[in-house]
C-alpha atoms as a PDB file:
ATOM      1  CA  UNK A   1      25.950  19.135   1.619  1.00  0.00           C
ATOM      2  CA  UNK A   2      27.289  20.164   4.806  1.00  0.00           C
ATOM      3  CA  UNK A   3      25.522  22.958   7.379  1.00  0.00           C
ATOM      4  CA  UNK A   4      24.556  25.358   4.588  1.00  0.00           C
ATOM      5  CA  UNK A   5      27.497  24.370   2.274  1.00  0.00           C
ATOM      6  CA  UNK A   6      26.062  22.837  -1.113  1.00  0.00           C
ATOM      7  CA  UNK A   7      28.955  21.224  -3.418  1.00  0.00           C
ATOM      8  CA  UNK A   8      28.020  19.450  -6.437  1.00  0.00           C
ATOM      9  CA  UNK A   9      30.117  18.134  -9.441  1.00  0.00           C
ATOM     10  CA  UNK A  10      27.278  17.896 -12.074  1.00  0.00           C
ATOM     11  CA  UNK A  11      27.324  18.860 -15.526  1.00  0.00           C
ATOM     12  CA  UNK A  12      24.334  20.524 -16.817  1.00  0.00           C
ATOM     13  CA  UNK A  13      20.954  22.007 -15.013  1.00  0.00           C
ATOM     14  CA  UNK A  14      20.829  21.183 -11.162  1.00  0.00           C
ATOM     15  CA  UNK A  15      17.972  23.485 -10.000  1.00  0.00           C
ATOM     16  CA  UNK A  16      15.456  22.723 -12.197  1.00  0.00           C
ATOM     17  CA  UNK A  17      16.073  18.624 -12.377  1.00  0.00           C
ATOM     18  CA  UNK A  18      16.147  18.745  -8.369  1.00  0.00           C
ATOM     19  CA  UNK A  19      13.106  20.937  -6.838  1.00  0.00           C
ATOM     20  CA  UNK A  20      13.910  19.821  -3.322  1.00  0.00           C
ATOM     21  CA  UNK A  21      17.312  21.823  -3.771  1.00  0.00           C
ATOM     22  CA  UNK A  22      15.876  24.584  -5.554  1.00  0.00           C
ATOM     23  CA  UNK A  23      13.102  24.845  -2.839  1.00  0.00           C
ATOM     24  CA  UNK A  24      15.608  24.282   0.369  1.00  0.00           C
ATOM     25  CA  UNK A  25      17.895  26.870  -1.363  1.00  0.00           C
ATOM     26  CA  UNK A  26      15.179  29.554  -1.622  1.00  0.00           C
ATOM     27  CA  UNK A  27      14.061  28.726   2.129  1.00  0.00           C
ATOM     28  CA  UNK A  28      17.746  29.327   3.263  1.00  0.00           C
ATOM     29  CA  UNK A  29      17.816  33.205   1.371  1.00  0.00           C
ATOM     30  CA  UNK A  30      14.293  33.880   2.845  1.00  0.00           C
ATOM     31  CA  UNK A  31      15.525  32.674   6.113  1.00  0.00           C
ATOM     32  CA  UNK A  32      18.558  34.838   5.672  1.00  0.00           C
ATOM     33  CA  UNK A  33      16.392  38.145   4.889  1.00  0.00           C
ATOM     34  CA  UNK A  34      14.231  37.476   8.010  1.00  0.00           C
ATOM     35  CA  UNK A  35      11.488  36.936   5.684  1.00  0.00           C
ATOM     36  CA  UNK A  36       8.807  34.100   6.078  1.00  0.00           C
ATOM     37  CA  UNK A  37      10.440  30.737   4.552  1.00  0.00           C
ATOM     38  CA  UNK A  38       7.153  29.367   3.880  1.00  0.00           C
ATOM     39  CA  UNK A  39       6.340  28.701   0.080  1.00  0.00           C
ATOM     40  CA  UNK A  40       3.241  28.405  -1.902  1.00  0.00           C
ATOM     41  CA  UNK A  41       2.789  25.116  -3.376  1.00  0.00           C
ATOM     42  CA  UNK A  42       3.823  25.643  -7.105  1.00  0.00           C
ATOM     43  CA  UNK A  43       3.057  22.751  -9.990  1.00  0.00           C
ATOM     44  CA  UNK A  44       6.446  21.438 -10.452  1.00  0.00           C
ATOM     45  CA  UNK A  45       5.388  18.296 -12.328  1.00  0.00           C
ATOM     46  CA  UNK A  46       7.750  19.032 -15.370  1.00  0.00           C
ATOM     47  CA  UNK A  47      10.588  19.365 -12.300  1.00  0.00           C
ATOM     48  CA  UNK A  48       9.797  16.011 -10.980  1.00  0.00           C
ATOM     49  CA  UNK A  49       9.711  14.586 -13.992  1.00  0.00           C
ATOM     50  CA  UNK A  50      12.855  15.439 -14.886  1.00  0.00           C
ATOM     51  CA  UNK A  51      14.153  14.750 -11.552  1.00  0.00           C
ATOM     52  CA  UNK A  52      12.575  10.788 -12.148  1.00  0.00           C
ATOM     53  CA  UNK A  53      14.576  10.487 -14.929  1.00  0.00           C
ATOM     54  CA  UNK A  54      17.652  11.171 -13.475  1.00  0.00           C
ATOM     55  CA  UNK A  55      16.678   9.089 -10.329  1.00  0.00           C
ATOM     56  CA  UNK A  56      16.025   5.983 -12.754  1.00  0.00           C
ATOM     57  CA  UNK A  57      19.848   6.562 -13.919  1.00  0.00           C
ATOM     58  CA  UNK A  58      21.421   5.794 -10.798  1.00  0.00           C
ATOM     59  CA  UNK A  59      23.022   2.583 -10.406  1.00  0.00           C
ATOM     60  CA  UNK A  60      21.580   0.405  -8.001  1.00  0.00           C
ATOM     61  CA  UNK A  61      18.720   2.537  -6.975  1.00  0.00           C
ATOM     62  CA  UNK A  62      20.494   4.333  -4.002  1.00  0.00           C
ATOM     63  CA  UNK A  63      18.392   7.528  -4.480  1.00  0.00           C
ATOM     64  CA  UNK A  64      14.963   8.140  -4.683  1.00  0.00           C
ATOM     65  CA  UNK A  65      13.103  11.185  -4.720  1.00  0.00           C
ATOM     66  CA  UNK A  66      11.842  11.069  -1.488  1.00  0.00           C
ATOM     67  CA  UNK A  67      14.872   9.814   0.082  1.00  0.00           C
ATOM     68  CA  UNK A  68      16.657  12.972  -1.492  1.00  0.00           C
ATOM     69  CA  UNK A  69      13.924  15.397  -0.068  1.00  0.00           C
ATOM     70  CA  UNK A  70      14.303  14.006   3.456  1.00  0.00           C
ATOM     71  CA  UNK A  71      17.930  14.542   3.252  1.00  0.00           C
ATOM     72  CA  UNK A  72      18.044  17.957   2.118  1.00  0.00           C
ATOM     73  CA  UNK A  73      15.130  18.924   4.674  1.00  0.00           C
ATOM     74  CA  UNK A  74      16.764  17.200   7.379  1.00  0.00           C
ATOM     75  CA  UNK A  75      19.970  19.078   7.221  1.00  0.00           C
ATOM     76  CA  UNK A  76      18.235  22.129   6.313  1.00  0.00           C
END
């Protein structure tokens, strides 16, 4: 991520397995349209479970859900 550009080289479904990134992209889209970017909380238990599986596959544990979420929000 750089500014508001997101580049990936992933195979498979990116957004369902990264709910923090999906929320960030939705917030950017709403801001661009001049709408309130505040999102109502949703039950994303399945999405976070999928994310946890992916995080567990990262060698050396360099990525955590909270670290990824924090980075995405900071770069907002």
